[in-house]
Amino acid sequence: MVLDSEALADLPLARLVRAEFARGDHAGCVAATLEHDCDSADLAAALRGWAAGRGWSVTVAPLSGRR
């Protein structure tokens, strides 16, 4: 699956606010800022399952000073 803004349209439990994409010869990544109303742990679990179904992996880091 192509990693682009359209691919992020159906994020679980969150809304995409901002995304920066980087691509190499064999991999791509996105730094995304999301809005969500759920606990960060619940969001991370949902995102990991969603990403795994696309062959991707996810790392979640809160904004400085937030949880």
PDB file of N, CA and C in Angstrom:
ATOM      1  N   MET A   1       0.851  -1.179   0.000  1.00  0.00           N
ATOM      2  CA  MET A   1       0.000   0.000   0.000  1.00  0.00           C
ATOM      3  C   MET A   1       0.894   1.238   0.000  1.00  0.00           C
ATOM      4  N   VAL A   2       0.513   2.222  -0.756  1.00  0.00           N
ATOM      5  CA  VAL A   2       1.262   3.471  -0.855  1.00  0.00           C
ATOM      6  C   VAL A   2       1.054   4.289   0.421  1.00  0.00           C
ATOM      7  N   LEU A   3       2.136   4.827   0.963  1.00  0.00           N
ATOM      8  CA  LEU A   3       2.066   5.669   2.146  1.00  0.00           C
ATOM      9  C   LEU A   3       1.950   7.123   1.707  1.00  0.00           C
ATOM     10  N   ASP A   4       0.732   7.671   1.827  1.00  0.00           N
ATOM     11  CA  ASP A   4       0.476   9.067   1.473  1.00  0.00           C
ATOM     12  C   ASP A   4      -0.697   9.574   2.310  1.00  0.00           C
ATOM     13  N   SER A   5      -1.073  10.816   2.132  1.00  0.00           N
ATOM     14  CA  SER A   5      -2.160  11.397   2.924  1.00  0.00           C
ATOM     15  C   SER A   5      -3.466  10.639   2.754  1.00  0.00           C
ATOM     16  N   GLU A   6      -3.738  10.191   1.554  1.00  0.00           N
ATOM     17  CA  GLU A   6      -4.970   9.436   1.299  1.00  0.00           C
ATOM     18  C   GLU A   6      -4.983   8.121   2.081  1.00  0.00           C
ATOM     19  N   ALA A   7      -3.830   7.471   2.190  1.00  0.00           N
ATOM     20  CA  ALA A   7      -3.747   6.214   2.926  1.00  0.00           C
ATOM     21  C   ALA A   7      -3.991   6.412   4.415  1.00  0.00           C
ATOM     22  N   LEU A   8      -3.799   7.634   4.907  1.00  0.00           N
ATOM     23  CA  LEU A   8      -3.995   7.927   6.324  1.00  0.00           C
ATOM     24  C   LEU A   8      -5.397   8.433   6.635  1.00  0.00           C
ATOM     25  N   ALA A   9      -6.264   8.459   5.647  1.00  0.00           N
ATOM     26  CA  ALA A   9      -7.616   9.003   5.813  1.00  0.00           C
ATOM     27  C   ALA A   9      -8.489   8.182   6.760  1.00  0.00           C
ATOM     28  N   ASP A  10      -8.195   6.909   6.913  1.00  0.00           N
ATOM     29  CA  ASP A  10      -9.044   6.055   7.747  1.00  0.00           C
ATOM     30  C   ASP A  10      -8.358   5.613   9.039  1.00  0.00           C
ATOM     31  N   LEU A  11      -7.550   6.480   9.608  1.00  0.00           N
ATOM     32  CA  LEU A  11      -6.888   6.169  10.875  1.00  0.00           C
ATOM     33  C   LEU A  11      -7.914   5.806  11.939  1.00  0.00           C
ATOM     34  N   PRO A  12      -7.651   4.774  12.737  1.00  0.00           N
ATOM     35  CA  PRO A  12      -8.591   4.435  13.802  1.00  0.00           C
ATOM     36  C   PRO A  12      -8.426   5.363  15.005  1.00  0.00           C
ATOM     37  N   LEU A  13      -9.501   5.802  15.577  1.00  0.00           N
ATOM     38  CA  LEU A  13      -9.548   6.582  16.806  1.00  0.00           C
ATOM     39  C   LEU A  13      -8.871   7.950  16.735  1.00  0.00           C
ATOM     40  N   ALA A  14      -8.515   8.408  15.529  1.00  0.00           N
ATOM     41  CA  ALA A  14      -7.780   9.667  15.430  1.00  0.00           C
ATOM     42  C   ALA A  14      -8.076  10.373  14.109  1.00  0.00           C
ATOM     43  N   ARG A  15      -7.725  11.664  14.102  1.00  0.00           N
ATOM     44  CA  ARG A  15      -7.836  12.478  12.896  1.00  0.00           C
ATOM     45  C   ARG A  15      -6.465  13.054  12.594  1.00  0.00           C
ATOM     46  N   LEU A  16      -6.066  12.945  11.345  1.00  0.00           N
ATOM     47  CA  LEU A  16      -4.775  13.462  10.900  1.00  0.00           C
ATOM     48  C   LEU A  16      -4.812  14.989  10.869  1.00  0.00           C
ATOM     49  N   VAL A  17      -3.872  15.626  11.554  1.00  0.00           N
ATOM     50  CA  VAL A  17      -3.759  17.084  11.579  1.00  0.00           C
ATOM     51  C   VAL A  17      -2.646  17.539  10.640  1.00  0.00           C
ATOM     52  N   ARG A  18      -1.521  16.829  10.666  1.00  0.00           N
ATOM     53  CA  ARG A  18      -0.344  17.218   9.889  1.00  0.00           C
ATOM     54  C   ARG A  18       0.482  15.977   9.597  1.00  0.00           C
ATOM     55  N   ALA A  19       1.096  15.943   8.418  1.00  0.00           N
ATOM     56  CA  ALA A  19       1.948  14.807   8.063  1.00  0.00           C
ATOM     57  C   ALA A  19       3.135  15.280   7.233  1.00  0.00           C
ATOM     58  N   GLU A  20       4.299  14.741   7.540  1.00  0.00           N
ATOM     59  CA  GLU A  20       5.507  14.974   6.759  1.00  0.00           C
ATOM     60  C   GLU A  20       6.015  13.613   6.305  1.00  0.00           C
ATOM     61  N   PHE A  21       6.219  13.463   5.004  1.00  0.00           N
ATOM     62  CA  PHE A  21       6.624  12.194   4.430  1.00  0.00           C
ATOM     63  C   PHE A  21       8.088  12.226   4.004  1.00  0.00           C
ATOM     64  N   ALA A  22       8.756  11.093   4.144  1.00  0.00           N
ATOM     65  CA  ALA A  22      10.124  10.923   3.650  1.00  0.00           C
ATOM     66  C   ALA A  22      10.174   9.563   2.958  1.00  0.00           C
ATOM     67  N   ARG A  23      10.857   9.498   1.844  1.00  0.00           N
ATOM     68  CA  ARG A  23      10.945   8.247   1.086  1.00  0.00           C
ATOM     69  C   ARG A  23      12.386   7.973   0.691  1.00  0.00           C
ATOM     70  N   GLY A  24      12.754   6.707   0.759  1.00  0.00           N
ATOM     71  CA  GLY A  24      14.062   6.258   0.293  1.00  0.00           C
ATOM     72  C   GLY A  24      13.864   5.253  -0.819  1.00  0.00           C
ATOM     73  N   ASP A  25      14.921   4.547  -1.164  1.00  0.00           N
ATOM     74  CA  ASP A  25      14.828   3.547  -2.225  1.00  0.00           C
ATOM     75  C   ASP A  25      13.941   2.367  -1.841  1.00  0.00           C
ATOM     76  N   HIS A  26      13.956   1.990  -0.565  1.00  0.00           N
ATOM     77  CA  HIS A  26      13.248   0.775  -0.147  1.00  0.00           C
ATOM     78  C   HIS A  26      12.256   0.985   0.991  1.00  0.00           C
ATOM     79  N   ALA A  27      12.114   2.217   1.462  1.00  0.00           N
ATOM     80  CA  ALA A  27      11.227   2.452   2.602  1.00  0.00           C
ATOM     81  C   ALA A  27      10.718   3.890   2.585  1.00  0.00           C
ATOM     82  N   GLY A  28       9.639   4.075   3.303  1.00  0.00           N
ATOM     83  CA  GLY A  28       9.082   5.405   3.481  1.00  0.00           C
ATOM     84  C   GLY A  28       8.644   5.565   4.922  1.00  0.00           C
ATOM     85  N   CYS A  29       8.524   6.801   5.364  1.00  0.00           N
ATOM     86  CA  CYS A  29       8.039   7.031   6.724  1.00  0.00           C
ATOM     87  C   CYS A  29       7.240   8.324   6.744  1.00  0.00           C
ATOM     88  N   VAL A  30       6.448   8.459   7.789  1.00  0.00           N
ATOM     89  CA  VAL A  30       5.659   9.676   7.977  1.00  0.00           C
ATOM     90  C   VAL A  30       5.751  10.076   9.441  1.00  0.00           C
ATOM     91  N   ALA A  31       5.934  11.355   9.669  1.00  0.00           N
ATOM     92  CA  ALA A  31       5.798  11.929  11.004  1.00  0.00           C
ATOM     93  C   ALA A  31       4.441  12.611  10.998  1.00  0.00           C
ATOM     94  N   ALA A  32       3.528  12.109  11.800  1.00  0.00           N
ATOM     95  CA  ALA A  32       2.154  12.595  11.770  1.00  0.00           C
ATOM     96  C   ALA A  32       1.746  13.157  13.124  1.00  0.00           C
ATOM     97  N   THR A  33       0.986  14.235  13.080  1.00  0.00           N
ATOM     98  CA  THR A  33       0.363  14.789  14.273  1.00  0.00           C
ATOM     99  C   THR A  33      -1.114  14.437  14.190  1.00  0.00           C
ATOM    100  N   LEU A  34      -1.620  13.827  15.262  1.00  0.00           N
ATOM    101  CA  LEU A  34      -3.000  13.351  15.283  1.00  0.00           C
ATOM    102  C   LEU A  34      -3.774  13.996  16.413  1.00  0.00           C
ATOM    103  N   GLU A  35      -5.070  14.178  16.205  1.00  0.00           N
ATOM    104  CA  GLU A  35      -5.992  14.547  17.278  1.00  0.00           C
ATOM    105  C   GLU A  35      -6.750  13.296  17.668  1.00  0.00           C
ATOM    106  N   HIS A  36      -6.938  13.110  18.983  1.00  0.00           N
ATOM    107  CA  HIS A  36      -7.682  11.935  19.445  1.00  0.00           C
ATOM    108  C   HIS A  36      -8.271  12.228  20.812  1.00  0.00           C
ATOM    109  N   ASP A  37      -9.353  11.539  21.136  1.00  0.00           N
ATOM    110  CA  ASP A  37     -10.024  11.711  22.423  1.00  0.00           C
ATOM    111  C   ASP A  37      -9.824  10.523  23.343  1.00  0.00           C
ATOM    112  N   CYS A  38      -9.064   9.541  22.910  1.00  0.00           N
ATOM    113  CA  CYS A  38      -8.866   8.338  23.705  1.00  0.00           C
ATOM    114  C   CYS A  38      -7.511   8.370  24.400  1.00  0.00           C
ATOM    115  N   ASP A  39      -7.300   7.426  25.280  1.00  0.00           N
ATOM    116  CA  ASP A  39      -6.026   7.265  25.966  1.00  0.00           C
ATOM    117  C   ASP A  39      -4.929   6.950  24.945  1.00  0.00           C
ATOM    118  N   SER A  40      -3.730   7.459  25.165  1.00  0.00           N
ATOM    119  CA  SER A  40      -2.617   7.237  24.239  1.00  0.00           C
ATOM    120  C   SER A  40      -2.311   5.756  24.041  1.00  0.00           C
ATOM    121  N   ALA A  41      -2.433   4.968  25.096  1.00  0.00           N
ATOM    122  CA  ALA A  41      -2.170   3.531  24.982  1.00  0.00           C
ATOM    123  C   ALA A  41      -3.197   2.866  24.067  1.00  0.00           C
ATOM    124  N   ASP A  42      -4.460   3.265  24.184  1.00  0.00           N
ATOM    125  CA  ASP A  42      -5.503   2.720  23.311  1.00  0.00           C
ATOM    126  C   ASP A  42      -5.266   3.127  21.860  1.00  0.00           C
ATOM    127  N   LEU A  43      -4.872   4.386  21.674  1.00  0.00           N
ATOM    128  CA  LEU A  43      -4.571   4.864  20.322  1.00  0.00           C
ATOM    129  C   LEU A  43      -3.405   4.082  19.724  1.00  0.00           C
ATOM    130  N   ALA A  44      -2.341   3.903  20.484  1.00  0.00           N
ATOM    131  CA  ALA A  44      -1.170   3.175  19.989  1.00  0.00           C
ATOM    132  C   ALA A  44      -1.536   1.754  19.588  1.00  0.00           C
ATOM    133  N   ALA A  45      -2.330   1.074  20.399  1.00  0.00           N
ATOM    134  CA  ALA A  45      -2.745  -0.292  20.084  1.00  0.00           C
ATOM    135  C   ALA A  45      -3.577  -0.327  18.802  1.00  0.00           C
ATOM    136  N   ALA A  46      -4.494   0.606  18.663  1.00  0.00           N
ATOM    137  CA  ALA A  46      -5.338   0.646  17.462  1.00  0.00           C
ATOM    138  C   ALA A  46      -4.498   0.942  16.221  1.00  0.00           C
ATOM    139  N   LEU A  47      -3.573   1.885  16.347  1.00  0.00           N
ATOM    140  CA  LEU A  47      -2.722   2.229  15.202  1.00  0.00           C
ATOM    141  C   LEU A  47      -1.808   1.079  14.803  1.00  0.00           C
ATOM    142  N   ARG A  48      -1.280   0.361  15.775  1.00  0.00           N
ATOM    143  CA  ARG A  48      -0.401  -0.772  15.449  1.00  0.00           C
ATOM    144  C   ARG A  48      -1.147  -1.858  14.693  1.00  0.00           C
ATOM    145  N   GLY A  49      -2.363  -2.164  15.133  1.00  0.00           N
ATOM    146  CA  GLY A  49      -3.165  -3.158  14.421  1.00  0.00           C
ATOM    147  C   GLY A  49      -3.538  -2.699  13.023  1.00  0.00           C
ATOM    148  N   TRP A  50      -3.930  -1.441  12.895  1.00  0.00           N
ATOM    149  CA  TRP A  50      -4.283  -0.853  11.603  1.00  0.00           C
ATOM    150  C   TRP A  50      -3.085  -0.896  10.667  1.00  0.00           C
ATOM    151  N   ALA A  51      -1.909  -0.497  11.155  1.00  0.00           N
ATOM    152  CA  ALA A  51      -0.703  -0.462  10.330  1.00  0.00           C
ATOM    153  C   ALA A  51      -0.257  -1.872   9.932  1.00  0.00           C
ATOM    154  N   ALA A  52      -0.339  -2.809  10.845  1.00  0.00           N
ATOM    155  CA  ALA A  52       0.090  -4.179  10.547  1.00  0.00           C
ATOM    156  C   ALA A  52      -0.704  -4.766   9.388  1.00  0.00           C
ATOM    157  N   GLY A  53      -1.972  -4.422   9.305  1.00  0.00           N
ATOM    158  CA  GLY A  53      -2.802  -4.897   8.202  1.00  0.00           C
ATOM    159  C   GLY A  53      -2.363  -4.352   6.850  1.00  0.00           C
ATOM    160  N   ARG A  54      -1.531  -3.339   6.861  1.00  0.00           N
ATOM    161  CA  ARG A  54      -1.013  -2.735   5.625  1.00  0.00           C
ATOM    162  C   ARG A  54       0.455  -3.066   5.394  1.00  0.00           C
ATOM    163  N   GLY A  55       1.036  -3.856   6.305  1.00  0.00           N
ATOM    164  CA  GLY A  55       2.444  -4.204   6.185  1.00  0.00           C
ATOM    165  C   GLY A  55       3.366  -3.124   6.714  1.00  0.00           C
ATOM    166  N   TRP A  56       2.839  -2.238   7.551  1.00  0.00           N
ATOM    167  CA  TRP A  56       3.603  -1.130   8.117  1.00  0.00           C
ATOM    168  C   TRP A  56       3.833  -1.368   9.600  1.00  0.00           C
ATOM    169  N   SER A  57       4.699  -0.580  10.198  1.00  0.00           N
ATOM    170  CA  SER A  57       4.864  -0.564  11.646  1.00  0.00           C
ATOM    171  C   SER A  57       4.656   0.867  12.131  1.00  0.00           C
ATOM    172  N   VAL A  58       4.393   1.006  13.428  1.00  0.00           N
ATOM    173  CA  VAL A  58       4.086   2.315  14.009  1.00  0.00           C
ATOM    174  C   VAL A  58       4.862   2.498  15.303  1.00  0.00           C
ATOM    175  N   THR A  59       5.362   3.694  15.491  1.00  0.00           N
ATOM    176  CA  THR A  59       5.922   4.128  16.765  1.00  0.00           C
ATOM    177  C   THR A  59       5.133   5.355  17.189  1.00  0.00           C
ATOM    178  N   VAL A  60       4.674   5.374  18.420  1.00  0.00           N
ATOM    179  CA  VAL A  60       3.869   6.487  18.905  1.00  0.00           C
ATOM    180  C   VAL A  60       4.663   7.238  19.968  1.00  0.00           C
ATOM    181  N   ALA A  61       4.756   8.533  19.801  1.00  0.00           N
ATOM    182  CA  ALA A  61       5.433   9.399  20.784  1.00  0.00           C
ATOM    183  C   ALA A  61       4.534  10.597  21.042  1.00  0.00           C
ATOM    184  N   PRO A  62       4.231  10.870  22.311  1.00  0.00           N
ATOM    185  CA  PRO A  62       3.382  12.011  22.625  1.00  0.00           C
ATOM    186  C   PRO A  62       4.127  13.322  22.384  1.00  0.00           C
ATOM    187  N   LEU A  63       3.366  14.384  22.171  1.00  0.00           N
ATOM    188  CA  LEU A  63       3.967  15.711  22.122  1.00  0.00           C
ATOM    189  C   LEU A  63       4.585  15.998  23.475  1.00  0.00           C
ATOM    190  N   SER A  64       5.614  16.747  23.510  1.00  0.00           N
ATOM    191  CA  SER A  64       6.303  17.085  24.748  1.00  0.00           C
ATOM    192  C   SER A  64       5.330  17.610  25.792  1.00  0.00           C
ATOM    193  N   GLY A  65       5.372  17.021  26.986  1.00  0.00           N
ATOM    194  CA  GLY A  65       4.519  17.477  28.083  1.00  0.00           C
ATOM    195  C   GLY A  65       3.113  16.921  28.065  1.00  0.00           C
ATOM    196  N   ARG A  66       2.793  16.045  27.114  1.00  0.00           N
ATOM    197  CA  ARG A  66       1.433  15.470  27.041  1.00  0.00           C
ATOM    198  C   ARG A  66       1.506  13.960  27.148  1.00  0.00           C
ATOM    199  N   ARG A  67       0.373  13.371  27.505  1.00  0.00           N
ATOM    200  CA  ARG A  67       0.281  11.909  27.587  1.00  0.00           C
ATOM    201  C   ARG A  67      -0.943  11.430  26.899  1.00  0.00           C
TER     202      ARG A  67
END
